[in-house]
Protein backbone atom coordinates (compact mmCIF):
# COMPACT_ATOMS: atom_id res chain seq x y z
CA MET A 1 9.84 -10.87 12.45
CA MET A 2 6.98 -8.82 11.18
CA LYS A 3 3.55 -10.10 12.33
CA ILE A 4 0.66 -8.80 10.38
CA ASN A 5 -2.92 -9.97 10.46
CA TRP A 6 -3.25 -10.46 6.72
CA LYS A 7 -6.60 -12.23 6.91
CA VAL A 8 -8.31 -9.13 8.35
CA ARG A 9 -6.39 -6.63 6.26
CA PHE A 10 -7.52 -8.50 3.05
CA LYS A 11 -11.10 -8.19 4.15
CA ASN A 12 -10.92 -4.43 4.38
CA PRO A 13 -11.60 -2.65 1.03
CA TYR A 14 -9.62 0.49 2.21
CA PHE A 15 -6.53 -1.80 2.36
CA TYR A 16 -6.61 -2.20 -1.38
CA VAL A 17 -7.22 1.48 -2.06
CA ALA A 18 -4.22 2.49 0.16
CA LEU A 19 -2.05 -0.29 -1.42
CA ILE A 20 -2.87 1.03 -4.80
CA LEU A 21 -2.02 4.50 -3.88
CA ALA A 22 1.20 3.46 -2.16
CA ILE A 23 2.33 1.96 -5.57
CA VAL A 24 0.90 4.47 -7.96
CA ALA A 25 1.63 7.73 -6.20
CA PRO A 26 5.47 7.39 -6.21
CA VAL A 27 5.45 6.25 -9.83
CA GLY A 28 3.26 9.21 -10.85
CA VAL A 29 5.21 11.71 -8.90
CA TYR A 30 8.59 10.47 -10.34
CA PHE A 31 7.56 10.53 -13.95
CA GLY A 32 5.38 13.64 -13.54
CA ILE A 33 2.16 11.89 -14.65
CA ASN A 34 -1.35 13.35 -14.46
CA ALA A 35 -4.40 11.04 -14.71
CA ASP A 36 -5.17 12.54 -18.17
CA ASP A 37 -1.73 11.49 -19.34
CA LEU A 38 -2.97 7.74 -19.04
CA THR A 39 -5.54 7.52 -21.81
CA SER A 40 -4.87 4.01 -23.05
CA TRP A 41 -3.77 0.71 -21.61
CA SER A 42 -0.66 0.74 -23.71
CA MET A 43 0.33 4.03 -22.11
CA VAL A 44 -0.23 2.47 -18.66
CA GLY A 45 1.87 -0.50 -19.65
CA ALA A 46 4.72 1.61 -20.82
CA VAL A 47 4.72 3.63 -17.68
CA ALA A 48 4.65 0.34 -15.60
CA LYS A 49 7.51 -0.98 -17.64
CA GLN A 50 9.67 2.21 -17.15
CA ALA A 51 8.91 2.06 -13.49
CA ILE A 52 9.91 -1.57 -13.06
CA LEU A 53 13.20 -0.96 -15.02
CA ASN A 54 14.08 2.04 -12.91
CA PRO A 55 15.79 0.97 -9.62
CA TYR A 56 15.11 4.26 -7.90
CA VAL A 57 11.34 4.05 -8.55
CA VAL A 58 11.28 0.28 -7.43
CA VAL A 59 13.04 1.24 -4.09
CA THR A 60 10.57 4.19 -3.67
CA VAL A 61 7.58 2.02 -4.20
CA ILE A 62 8.92 -0.58 -1.89
CA VAL A 63 9.58 2.04 0.92
CA SER A 64 6.03 3.46 0.12
CA VAL A 65 4.34 0.03 0.57
CA ALA A 66 6.41 -0.80 3.66
CA THR A 67 5.38 2.46 5.36
CA PHE A 68 1.71 1.85 4.49
CA LEU A 69 1.90 -1.69 6.02
CA ILE A 70 3.21 -0.53 9.34
CA ASP A 71 0.57 0.00 12.10
CA PRO A 72 1.51 3.45 13.44
CA THR A 73 -0.35 2.72 16.72
CA THR A 74 2.11 -0.02 17.80
CA ARG A 75 5.65 -0.11 18.70
CA GLY A 76 7.83 -1.69 15.97
CA ILE A 77 6.44 -2.97 12.62
CA SER A 78 4.09 -5.68 13.62
CA ASP A 79 0.39 -5.53 14.56
CA SER A 80 -0.57 -5.51 18.22
CA ASN A 81 -1.43 -8.79 19.91
CA ARG A 82 -5.08 -7.62 20.06
CA ALA A 83 -5.10 -6.89 16.28
CA MET A 84 -3.72 -10.36 15.66
CA ARG A 85 -6.72 -11.98 17.25
CA TYR A 86 -9.26 -10.15 15.05
CA ASP A 87 -11.24 -12.18 12.55
CA GLU A 88 -12.87 -9.20 10.94
CA PRO A 89 -11.83 -5.62 10.59
CA LYS A 90 -12.86 -3.65 13.68
CA LYS A 91 -16.02 -1.79 12.94
CA ASP A 92 -16.15 0.65 15.96
CA ASP A 93 -13.10 2.08 17.53
CA SER A 94 -15.01 3.21 20.71
CA LYS A 95 -15.79 -0.30 21.74
CA TRP A 96 -13.00 -2.53 23.22
């Protein structure tokens, strides 16, 4: 079972930036979209609808999000035992 310290990840603003990129990047690449192509909310909605209705894009986004969630510093797909004990995101990597 995948054990992730969600409480700490949700407190880290970089988590949200990376999550958005993990979702938006595959959609943008698949449809060949540039930022200047999305000039209205109706266009954003149309692209989102196309993405949700396309099984390939959905699977690609799921894989992208899954790879974003995995901590590459640990074996497997779970956070380390030490990371599971954190209450806040670690501020300084040089201190244990």
